[in-house]
Amino acid sequence: MDPDGRDTTTSYDTDNRVTQSVDIIGTTTITTTSQDDPDGNTLQTTTQTQSGSGPVTTATETATYNAADWTTSQTVDGATTTLGYDAAEWVRRNSL
């Protein structure tokens, strides 16, 4: 437990990347689970929050990548943003 009263448990995969983190702060539990591709890009992150015996709230983020490992889309709770790049690797298209 840290000085702020937070108790954190973290799980890792064989490449030492975080796969799950559970934070307990008082009566609130926050569980974050992530999935990565073989290149280490995060494909999906799911965060579940529960205060006491109340309902569980879930938020999900997903992403896709091109062959150069550049993010080509991000979706947060159903809203998707797509990204396009020019030859100099600058983002040139960003749309919702």
C-alpha atoms as a PDB file:
ATOM      1  CA  MET A   1       0.000   0.000   0.000  1.00  0.00           C
ATOM      2  CA  ASP A   2       1.376   3.399  -0.934  1.00  0.00           C
ATOM      3  CA  PRO A   3       1.183   6.560   1.227  1.00  0.00           C
ATOM      4  CA  ASP A   4      -2.073   7.593  -0.518  1.00  0.00           C
ATOM      5  CA  GLY A   5      -3.780   4.364   0.615  1.00  0.00           C
ATOM      6  CA  ARG A   6      -3.693   2.751  -2.831  1.00  0.00           C
ATOM      7  CA  ASP A   7      -3.028  -0.967  -3.111  1.00  0.00           C
ATOM      8  CA  THR A   8      -1.908  -1.989  -6.613  1.00  0.00           C
ATOM      9  CA  THR A   9      -1.367  -5.442  -8.102  1.00  0.00           C
ATOM     10  CA  THR A  10       0.188  -5.682 -11.561  1.00  0.00           C
ATOM     11  CA  SER A  11       0.466  -8.702 -13.901  1.00  0.00           C
ATOM     12  CA  TYR A  12       2.943  -8.993 -16.780  1.00  0.00           C
ATOM     13  CA  ASP A  13       3.320 -11.155 -19.893  1.00  0.00           C
ATOM     14  CA  THR A  14       6.484 -13.014 -20.885  1.00  0.00           C
ATOM     15  CA  ASP A  15       7.790  -9.857 -22.619  1.00  0.00           C
ATOM     16  CA  ASN A  16       7.428  -7.916 -19.332  1.00  0.00           C
ATOM     17  CA  ARG A  17       4.488  -5.851 -20.631  1.00  0.00           C
ATOM     18  CA  VAL A  18       1.651  -4.987 -18.271  1.00  0.00           C
ATOM     19  CA  THR A  19      -1.404  -7.168 -18.969  1.00  0.00           C
ATOM     20  CA  GLN A  20      -3.510  -6.240 -15.950  1.00  0.00           C
ATOM     21  CA  SER A  21      -3.453  -3.732 -13.141  1.00  0.00           C
ATOM     22  CA  VAL A  22      -5.814  -3.753 -10.179  1.00  0.00           C
ATOM     23  CA  ASP A  23      -5.928  -0.604  -8.026  1.00  0.00           C
ATOM     24  CA  ILE A  24      -7.862  -0.540  -4.783  1.00  0.00           C
ATOM     25  CA  ILE A  25      -8.418   2.924  -3.381  1.00  0.00           C
ATOM     26  CA  GLY A  26     -10.602   2.801  -0.278  1.00  0.00           C
ATOM     27  CA  THR A  27     -13.757   1.011  -1.443  1.00  0.00           C
ATOM     28  CA  THR A  28     -13.141   1.648  -5.158  1.00  0.00           C
ATOM     29  CA  THR A  29     -11.581  -1.023  -7.374  1.00  0.00           C
ATOM     30  CA  ILE A  30     -10.173  -0.119 -10.797  1.00  0.00           C
ATOM     31  CA  THR A  31      -9.154  -3.043 -13.025  1.00  0.00           C
ATOM     32  CA  THR A  32      -7.326  -2.278 -16.264  1.00  0.00           C
ATOM     33  CA  THR A  33      -6.603  -5.061 -18.757  1.00  0.00           C
ATOM     34  CA  SER A  34      -4.639  -4.604 -21.978  1.00  0.00           C
ATOM     35  CA  GLN A  35      -3.820  -6.709 -25.016  1.00  0.00           C
ATOM     36  CA  ASP A  36      -0.768  -6.042 -27.186  1.00  0.00           C
ATOM     37  CA  ASP A  37       0.303  -7.261 -30.597  1.00  0.00           C
ATOM     38  CA  PRO A  38       3.714  -8.960 -31.060  1.00  0.00           C
ATOM     39  CA  ASP A  39       5.314  -5.560 -31.770  1.00  0.00           C
ATOM     40  CA  GLY A  40       4.172  -4.210 -28.392  1.00  0.00           C
ATOM     41  CA  ASN A  41       1.382  -1.995 -29.755  1.00  0.00           C
ATOM     42  CA  THR A  42      -1.627  -1.857 -27.442  1.00  0.00           C
ATOM     43  CA  LEU A  43      -4.619  -3.234 -29.349  1.00  0.00           C
ATOM     44  CA  GLN A  44      -7.226  -3.001 -26.594  1.00  0.00           C
ATOM     45  CA  THR A  45      -7.495  -1.588 -23.099  1.00  0.00           C
ATOM     46  CA  THR A  46     -10.499  -2.264 -20.891  1.00  0.00           C
ATOM     47  CA  THR A  47     -10.997  -0.418 -17.619  1.00  0.00           C
ATOM     48  CA  GLN A  48     -13.613  -1.526 -15.116  1.00  0.00           C
ATOM     49  CA  THR A  49     -14.429   0.594 -12.086  1.00  0.00           C
ATOM     50  CA  GLN A  50     -16.566  -0.377  -9.117  1.00  0.00           C
ATOM     51  CA  SER A  51     -17.227   1.682  -6.002  1.00  0.00           C
ATOM     52  CA  GLY A  52     -18.227  -0.433  -3.031  1.00  0.00           C
ATOM     53  CA  SER A  53     -21.018  -2.795  -4.022  1.00  0.00           C
ATOM     54  CA  GLY A  54     -22.236  -0.447  -6.770  1.00  0.00           C
ATOM     55  CA  PRO A  55     -22.435  -1.257 -10.468  1.00  0.00           C
ATOM     56  CA  VAL A  56     -19.355  -1.927 -12.576  1.00  0.00           C
ATOM     57  CA  THR A  57     -18.572   0.747 -15.153  1.00  0.00           C
ATOM     58  CA  THR A  58     -16.622  -0.410 -18.217  1.00  0.00           C
ATOM     59  CA  ALA A  59     -14.642   1.715 -20.683  1.00  0.00           C
ATOM     60  CA  THR A  60     -12.933   0.200 -23.731  1.00  0.00           C
ATOM     61  CA  GLU A  61     -10.287   1.613 -26.060  1.00  0.00           C
ATOM     62  CA  THR A  62      -9.022  -0.137 -29.200  1.00  0.00           C
ATOM     63  CA  ALA A  63      -6.406   0.764 -31.794  1.00  0.00           C
ATOM     64  CA  THR A  64      -5.162  -0.478 -35.150  1.00  0.00           C
ATOM     65  CA  TYR A  65      -1.698  -0.043 -36.658  1.00  0.00           C
ATOM     66  CA  ASN A  66      -0.106  -0.184 -40.082  1.00  0.00           C
ATOM     67  CA  ALA A  67       3.011  -2.208 -41.039  1.00  0.00           C
ATOM     68  CA  ALA A  68       5.237   0.622 -39.731  1.00  0.00           C
ATOM     69  CA  ASP A  69       3.484   0.419 -36.315  1.00  0.00           C
ATOM     70  CA  TRP A  70       1.841   3.817 -36.749  1.00  0.00           C
ATOM     71  CA  THR A  71      -1.618   4.172 -35.247  1.00  0.00           C
ATOM     72  CA  THR A  72      -4.241   4.136 -38.021  1.00  0.00           C
ATOM     73  CA  SER A  73      -7.360   4.241 -35.849  1.00  0.00           C
ATOM     74  CA  GLN A  74      -8.421   4.634 -32.251  1.00  0.00           C
ATOM     75  CA  THR A  75     -11.831   3.831 -30.828  1.00  0.00           C
ATOM     76  CA  VAL A  76     -12.864   5.037 -27.383  1.00  0.00           C
ATOM     77  CA  ASP A  77     -16.263   3.844 -26.168  1.00  0.00           C
ATOM     78  CA  GLY A  78     -17.572   3.558 -29.733  1.00  0.00           C
ATOM     79  CA  ALA A  79     -16.184   6.826 -31.165  1.00  0.00           C
ATOM     80  CA  THR A  80     -13.538   6.104 -33.814  1.00  0.00           C
ATOM     81  CA  THR A  81     -10.792   8.439 -34.997  1.00  0.00           C
ATOM     82  CA  THR A  82      -8.818   7.488 -38.111  1.00  0.00           C
ATOM     83  CA  LEU A  83      -5.318   8.747 -38.830  1.00  0.00           C
ATOM     84  CA  GLY A  84      -3.461   9.115 -42.132  1.00  0.00           C
ATOM     85  CA  TYR A  85       0.210   9.954 -42.663  1.00  0.00           C
ATOM     86  CA  ASP A  86       2.319  11.590 -45.343  1.00  0.00           C
ATOM     87  CA  ALA A  87       5.750  10.399 -46.548  1.00  0.00           C
ATOM     88  CA  ALA A  88       7.480  12.400 -43.777  1.00  0.00           C
ATOM     89  CA  GLU A  89       5.445  10.510 -41.147  1.00  0.00           C
ATOM     90  CA  TRP A  90       3.345  13.540 -40.210  1.00  0.00           C
ATOM     91  CA  VAL A  91      -0.337  13.038 -39.436  1.00  0.00           C
ATOM     92  CA  ARG A  92      -2.172  14.521 -42.429  1.00  0.00           C
ATOM     93  CA  ARG A  93      -5.646  13.137 -41.943  1.00  0.00           C
ATOM     94  CA  ASN A  94      -7.475  12.905 -38.651  1.00  0.00           C
ATOM     95  CA  SER A  95     -11.210  12.256 -38.779  1.00  0.00           C
ATOM     96  CA  LEU A  96     -13.918  11.168 -36.396  1.00  0.00           C
END
